Amino acid sequence: MENVKKTFEKLANEFDELIIKLIPHYNEMLEALALSIPYEKTESIKVMDLGCGTGTVSKMIREQYPNAIFSCVDLAENMIEMAKIKLGNDRVTYKLKDFYHLMFDQNYDVIISSLALHHLLTDNDKKDFYFKIYNNLAHNGVFFNADIVLGANDKLESRYLHKWKEFMYKNVSVDEVDNKVIPRHNDEDHPSRLTDQLNWLLEIGFVDVDVIWKYYNFAVYGGFKP
């Protein structure tokens, strides 16, 4: 996690410009997540944003739910500073923590994450964290995650990687992709199979688990706490 922290501290100032060059349909993916929240627009829902980055997803949700109360978590101080520029401090609190040391202090109506939970090292780490999320959701609360995922088999995963590189080659140099982005991905990212993660959510107790959006190795998925 220390390597991940260093990467995001370094990239914070250019993150918003860079991410749309590296992640296919980035804005569409986050909009799919934000639009899946099933509350009345006037409600003062409590939202936790895990790995808030520069605050893009929380900003989208605030535009739909102006009375929402946010708790934004990130391990990189520079990312949180960028999020403060977008979100300010009104009805928003910030926590500088990585997921391994995060303590939930209340129950939330909505827990979301985007391009962050794949940094958890192992499948067991992810399952344990999903269980923690479930335990800290309010009754009828929702959890949605937008993240990089693995294909169900090696052939699919090879196709996913090919399509991802194909997208990035259109926006940044081949050298940047092959000698920086992909090696960093191999070193710092630990995605799991989407099918496995859906099963974990069901085993934990989530209901109405669904895939909201998917493009090869990127997906938005989650479920409801009954």
Foldseek 3Di string as FASTA:
>chain_A
DVVVQVVLLVCQVVCVVVVPLQDDPVVVLLLLVLVPQDDQQADQFEEEEAQCFLPPSVLSNCVSRVNYAYEYEHQHPSRVVNVCVSPPDVSYHYYNDHLVPDDDDAAGQEYEYEAHLQQQADPVSSLVSLLVNLVRHDAFGKYKYKHFAAEPDPVLRVVLVVVSVVSNVVRDPPCCVPPPVVVCCVVRGHHYHPVVVLVSQVVSAFPPWDWSDDDRRITMIIGTHD
